[in-house]
Amino acid sequence: MSAVFVLGFFWKKTTNNGAIWGAFLSIPIALLLKYIPISALEPWMHQMGLTAF
């Protein structure tokens, strides 16, 4: 969620639709990264970074 606010605040070309899509798509991406065992993404900080951006 913080990535949506940061991009909306600092990037002038951000639209409302882009913010809504970013918020909705971050949920399934976070769930996929949580439940699919990928050894390279095992540390939680890597998963947070990929989910945020």
PDB file of N, CA and C in Angstrom:
ATOM      1  N   MET A   1       0.811  -1.193   0.000  1.00  0.00           N
ATOM      2  CA  MET A   1       0.000   0.000   0.000  1.00  0.00           C
ATOM      3  C   MET A   1       0.858   1.261   0.000  1.00  0.00           C
ATOM      4  N   SER A   2       1.974   1.205   0.675  1.00  0.00           N
ATOM      5  CA  SER A   2       2.803   2.408   0.741  1.00  0.00           C
ATOM      6  C   SER A   2       3.359   2.786  -0.627  1.00  0.00           C
ATOM      7  N   ALA A   3       3.616   1.790  -1.474  1.00  0.00           N
ATOM      8  CA  ALA A   3       4.114   2.098  -2.813  1.00  0.00           C
ATOM      9  C   ALA A   3       3.084   2.880  -3.613  1.00  0.00           C
ATOM     10  N   VAL A   4       1.812   2.575  -3.428  1.00  0.00           N
ATOM     11  CA  VAL A   4       0.755   3.304  -4.133  1.00  0.00           C
ATOM     12  C   VAL A   4       0.757   4.770  -3.705  1.00  0.00           C
ATOM     13  N   PHE A   5       0.875   5.021  -2.415  1.00  0.00           N
ATOM     14  CA  PHE A   5       0.886   6.397  -1.927  1.00  0.00           C
ATOM     15  C   PHE A   5       2.152   7.144  -2.331  1.00  0.00           C
ATOM     16  N   VAL A   6       3.284   6.488  -2.263  1.00  0.00           N
ATOM     17  CA  VAL A   6       4.546   7.146  -2.621  1.00  0.00           C
ATOM     18  C   VAL A   6       4.558   7.504  -4.104  1.00  0.00           C
ATOM     19  N   LEU A   7       4.148   6.560  -4.958  1.00  0.00           N
ATOM     20  CA  LEU A   7       4.126   6.855  -6.389  1.00  0.00           C
ATOM     21  C   LEU A   7       3.107   7.946  -6.714  1.00  0.00           C
ATOM     22  N   GLY A   8       1.961   7.916  -6.061  1.00  0.00           N
ATOM     23  CA  GLY A   8       0.960   8.945  -6.289  1.00  0.00           C
ATOM     24  C   GLY A   8       1.412  10.317  -5.829  1.00  0.00           C
ATOM     25  N   PHE A   9       2.204  10.342  -4.813  1.00  0.00           N
ATOM     26  CA  PHE A   9       2.659  11.618  -4.264  1.00  0.00           C
ATOM     27  C   PHE A   9       3.799  12.235  -5.073  1.00  0.00           C
ATOM     28  N   PHE A  10       4.732  11.400  -5.534  1.00  0.00           N
ATOM     29  CA  PHE A  10       5.930  11.917  -6.188  1.00  0.00           C
ATOM     30  C   PHE A  10       5.917  11.832  -7.710  1.00  0.00           C
ATOM     31  N   TRP A  11       5.022  11.043  -8.296  1.00  0.00           N
ATOM     32  CA  TRP A  11       5.002  10.891  -9.745  1.00  0.00           C
ATOM     33  C   TRP A  11       3.722  11.516 -10.270  1.00  0.00           C
ATOM     34  N   LYS A  12       3.835  12.568 -11.040  1.00  0.00           N
ATOM     35  CA  LYS A  12       2.683  13.359 -11.468  1.00  0.00           C
ATOM     36  C   LYS A  12       1.809  12.654 -12.492  1.00  0.00           C
ATOM     37  N   LYS A  13       2.329  11.644 -13.202  1.00  0.00           N
ATOM     38  CA  LYS A  13       1.549  10.953 -14.229  1.00  0.00           C
ATOM     39  C   LYS A  13       0.715   9.800 -13.670  1.00  0.00           C
ATOM     40  N   THR A  14       0.720   9.609 -12.381  1.00  0.00           N
ATOM     41  CA  THR A  14      -0.062   8.541 -11.771  1.00  0.00           C
ATOM     42  C   THR A  14      -1.542   8.891 -11.851  1.00  0.00           C
ATOM     43  N   THR A  15      -2.345   7.897 -12.226  1.00  0.00           N
ATOM     44  CA  THR A  15      -3.787   8.108 -12.339  1.00  0.00           C
ATOM     45  C   THR A  15      -4.516   7.362 -11.229  1.00  0.00           C
ATOM     46  N   ASN A  16      -5.791   7.670 -11.075  1.00  0.00           N
ATOM     47  CA  ASN A  16      -6.604   6.962 -10.087  1.00  0.00           C
ATOM     48  C   ASN A  16      -6.742   5.490 -10.443  1.00  0.00           C
ATOM     49  N   ASN A  17      -6.927   5.197 -11.717  1.00  0.00           N
ATOM     50  CA  ASN A  17      -7.043   3.800 -12.141  1.00  0.00           C
ATOM     51  C   ASN A  17      -5.756   3.030 -11.860  1.00  0.00           C
ATOM     52  N   GLY A  18      -4.631   3.659 -12.077  1.00  0.00           N
ATOM     53  CA  GLY A  18      -3.355   3.004 -11.787  1.00  0.00           C
ATOM     54  C   GLY A  18      -3.192   2.693 -10.315  1.00  0.00           C
ATOM     55  N   ALA A  19      -3.640   3.595  -9.463  1.00  0.00           N
ATOM     56  CA  ALA A  19      -3.553   3.359  -8.021  1.00  0.00           C
ATOM     57  C   ALA A  19      -4.477   2.231  -7.589  1.00  0.00           C
ATOM     58  N   ILE A  20      -5.670   2.189  -8.155  1.00  0.00           N
ATOM     59  CA  ILE A  20      -6.616   1.128  -7.812  1.00  0.00           C
ATOM     60  C   ILE A  20      -6.096  -0.222  -8.274  1.00  0.00           C
ATOM     61  N   TRP A  21      -5.608  -0.290  -9.511  1.00  0.00           N
ATOM     62  CA  TRP A  21      -5.048  -1.550 -10.008  1.00  0.00           C
ATOM     63  C   TRP A  21      -3.826  -1.986  -9.204  1.00  0.00           C
ATOM     64  N   GLY A  22      -2.983  -1.059  -8.854  1.00  0.00           N
ATOM     65  CA  GLY A  22      -1.812  -1.397  -8.053  1.00  0.00           C
ATOM     66  C   GLY A  22      -2.188  -1.941  -6.688  1.00  0.00           C
ATOM     67  N   ALA A  23      -3.204  -1.359  -6.071  1.00  0.00           N
ATOM     68  CA  ALA A  23      -3.642  -1.832  -4.756  1.00  0.00           C
ATOM     69  C   ALA A  23      -4.262  -3.222  -4.860  1.00  0.00           C
ATOM     70  N   PHE A  24      -5.086  -3.444  -5.883  1.00  0.00           N
ATOM     71  CA  PHE A  24      -5.740  -4.751  -6.026  1.00  0.00           C
ATOM     72  C   PHE A  24      -4.774  -5.841  -6.459  1.00  0.00           C
ATOM     73  N   LEU A  25      -3.816  -5.524  -7.317  1.00  0.00           N
ATOM     74  CA  LEU A  25      -2.878  -6.540  -7.784  1.00  0.00           C
ATOM     75  C   LEU A  25      -1.811  -6.889  -6.751  1.00  0.00           C
ATOM     76  N   SER A  26      -1.586  -6.020  -5.795  1.00  0.00           N
ATOM     77  CA  SER A  26      -0.584  -6.331  -4.784  1.00  0.00           C
ATOM     78  C   SER A  26      -1.030  -7.472  -3.870  1.00  0.00           C
ATOM     79  N   ILE A  27      -2.326  -7.654  -3.705  1.00  0.00           N
ATOM     80  CA  ILE A  27      -2.826  -8.728  -2.837  1.00  0.00           C
ATOM     81  C   ILE A  27      -2.518 -10.105  -3.413  1.00  0.00           C
ATOM     82  N   PRO A  28      -2.897 -10.418  -4.680  1.00  0.00           N
ATOM     83  CA  PRO A  28      -2.555 -11.758  -5.189  1.00  0.00           C
ATOM     84  C   PRO A  28      -1.057 -11.989  -5.351  1.00  0.00           C
ATOM     85  N   ILE A  29      -0.313 -10.929  -5.672  1.00  0.00           N
ATOM     86  CA  ILE A  29       1.139 -11.084  -5.797  1.00  0.00           C
ATOM     87  C   ILE A  29       1.743 -11.432  -4.443  1.00  0.00           C
ATOM     88  N   ALA A  30       1.297 -10.773  -3.387  1.00  0.00           N
ATOM     89  CA  ALA A  30       1.805 -11.065  -2.048  1.00  0.00           C
ATOM     90  C   ALA A  30       1.441 -12.484  -1.626  1.00  0.00           C
ATOM     91  N   LEU A  31       0.226 -12.927  -1.948  1.00  0.00           N
ATOM     92  CA  LEU A  31      -0.179 -14.289  -1.595  1.00  0.00           C
ATOM     93  C   LEU A  31       0.615 -15.325  -2.373  1.00  0.00           C
ATOM     94  N   LEU A  32       0.863 -15.066  -3.658  1.00  0.00           N
ATOM     95  CA  LEU A  32       1.678 -15.994  -4.437  1.00  0.00           C
ATOM     96  C   LEU A  32       3.087 -16.110  -3.873  1.00  0.00           C
ATOM     97  N   LEU A  33       3.676 -14.984  -3.537  1.00  0.00           N
ATOM     98  CA  LEU A  33       5.030 -15.017  -2.989  1.00  0.00           C
ATOM     99  C   LEU A  33       5.069 -15.672  -1.618  1.00  0.00           C
ATOM    100  N   LYS A  34       3.958 -15.615  -0.899  1.00  0.00           N
ATOM    101  CA  LYS A  34       3.937 -16.217   0.427  1.00  0.00           C
ATOM    102  C   LYS A  34       3.795 -17.742   0.366  1.00  0.00           C
ATOM    103  N   TYR A  35       2.976 -18.244  -0.546  1.00  0.00           N
ATOM    104  CA  TYR A  35       2.647 -19.662  -0.535  1.00  0.00           C
ATOM    105  C   TYR A  35       3.346 -20.497  -1.587  1.00  0.00           C
ATOM    106  N   ILE A  36       3.985 -19.893  -2.576  1.00  0.00           N
ATOM    107  CA  ILE A  36       4.768 -20.661  -3.546  1.00  0.00           C
ATOM    108  C   ILE A  36       6.207 -20.694  -3.051  1.00  0.00           C
ATOM    109  N   PRO A  37       6.723 -21.886  -2.782  1.00  0.00           N
ATOM    110  CA  PRO A  37       8.088 -21.966  -2.234  1.00  0.00           C
ATOM    111  C   PRO A  37       9.152 -21.719  -3.303  1.00  0.00           C
ATOM    112  N   ILE A  38       9.723 -20.544  -3.298  1.00  0.00           N
ATOM    113  CA  ILE A  38      10.840 -20.205  -4.182  1.00  0.00           C
ATOM    114  C   ILE A  38      12.033 -19.938  -3.264  1.00  0.00           C
ATOM    115  N   SER A  39      13.039 -20.776  -3.376  1.00  0.00           N
ATOM    116  CA  SER A  39      14.153 -20.698  -2.431  1.00  0.00           C
ATOM    117  C   SER A  39      14.901 -19.368  -2.507  1.00  0.00           C
ATOM    118  N   ALA A  40      14.986 -18.764  -3.687  1.00  0.00           N
ATOM    119  CA  ALA A  40      15.695 -17.489  -3.809  1.00  0.00           C
ATOM    120  C   ALA A  40      14.933 -16.346  -3.140  1.00  0.00           C
ATOM    121  N   LEU A  41      13.623 -16.505  -2.978  1.00  0.00           N
ATOM    122  CA  LEU A  41      12.800 -15.455  -2.377  1.00  0.00           C
ATOM    123  C   LEU A  41      12.422 -15.802  -0.941  1.00  0.00           C
ATOM    124  N   GLU A  42      13.150 -16.689  -0.327  1.00  0.00           N
ATOM    125  CA  GLU A  42      12.803 -17.141   1.014  1.00  0.00           C
ATOM    126  C   GLU A  42      12.827 -16.037   2.069  1.00  0.00           C
ATOM    127  N   PRO A  43      13.832 -15.169   2.099  1.00  0.00           N
ATOM    128  CA  PRO A  43      13.779 -14.105   3.103  1.00  0.00           C
ATOM    129  C   PRO A  43      12.581 -13.195   2.875  1.00  0.00           C
ATOM    130  N   TRP A  44      11.917 -12.846   3.927  1.00  0.00           N
ATOM    131  CA  TRP A  44      10.686 -12.056   3.812  1.00  0.00           C
ATOM    132  C   TRP A  44      10.936 -10.673   3.241  1.00  0.00           C
ATOM    133  N   MET A  45      12.140 -10.143   3.407  1.00  0.00           N
ATOM    134  CA  MET A  45      12.424  -8.804   2.898  1.00  0.00           C
ATOM    135  C   MET A  45      12.438  -8.799   1.372  1.00  0.00           C
ATOM    136  N   HIS A  46      12.882  -9.863   0.740  1.00  0.00           N
ATOM    137  CA  HIS A  46      12.853  -9.958  -0.719  1.00  0.00           C
ATOM    138  C   HIS A  46      11.409  -9.964  -1.209  1.00  0.00           C
ATOM    139  N   GLN A  47      10.560 -10.691  -0.521  1.00  0.00           N
ATOM    140  CA  GLN A  47       9.151 -10.756  -0.903  1.00  0.00           C
ATOM    141  C   GLN A  47       8.484  -9.396  -0.754  1.00  0.00           C
ATOM    142  N   MET A  48       8.810  -8.670   0.289  1.00  0.00           N
ATOM    143  CA  MET A  48       8.220  -7.350   0.480  1.00  0.00           C
ATOM    144  C   MET A  48       8.665  -6.390  -0.619  1.00  0.00           C
ATOM    145  N   GLY A  49       9.916  -6.454  -1.006  1.00  0.00           N
ATOM    146  CA  GLY A  49      10.410  -5.574  -2.054  1.00  0.00           C
ATOM    147  C   GLY A  49       9.741  -5.837  -3.399  1.00  0.00           C
ATOM    148  N   LEU A  50       9.551  -7.102  -3.737  1.00  0.00           N
ATOM    149  CA  LEU A  50       8.895  -7.422  -5.002  1.00  0.00           C
ATOM    150  C   LEU A  50       7.411  -7.072  -4.973  1.00  0.00           C
ATOM    151  N   THR A  51       6.785  -7.206  -3.850  1.00  0.00           N
ATOM    152  CA  THR A  51       5.372  -6.873  -3.742  1.00  0.00           C
ATOM    153  C   THR A  51       5.158  -5.370  -3.784  1.00  0.00           C
ATOM    154  N   ALA A  52       6.056  -4.611  -3.204  1.00  0.00           N
ATOM    155  CA  ALA A  52       5.902  -3.163  -3.161  1.00  0.00           C
ATOM    156  C   ALA A  52       6.058  -2.535  -4.545  1.00  0.00           C
ATOM    157  N   PHE A  53       6.932  -3.096  -5.355  1.00  0.00           N
ATOM    158  CA  PHE A  53       7.161  -2.484  -6.663  1.00  0.00           C
ATOM    159  C   PHE A  53       6.928  -3.512  -7.701  1.00  0.00           C
TER     160      PHE A  53
END
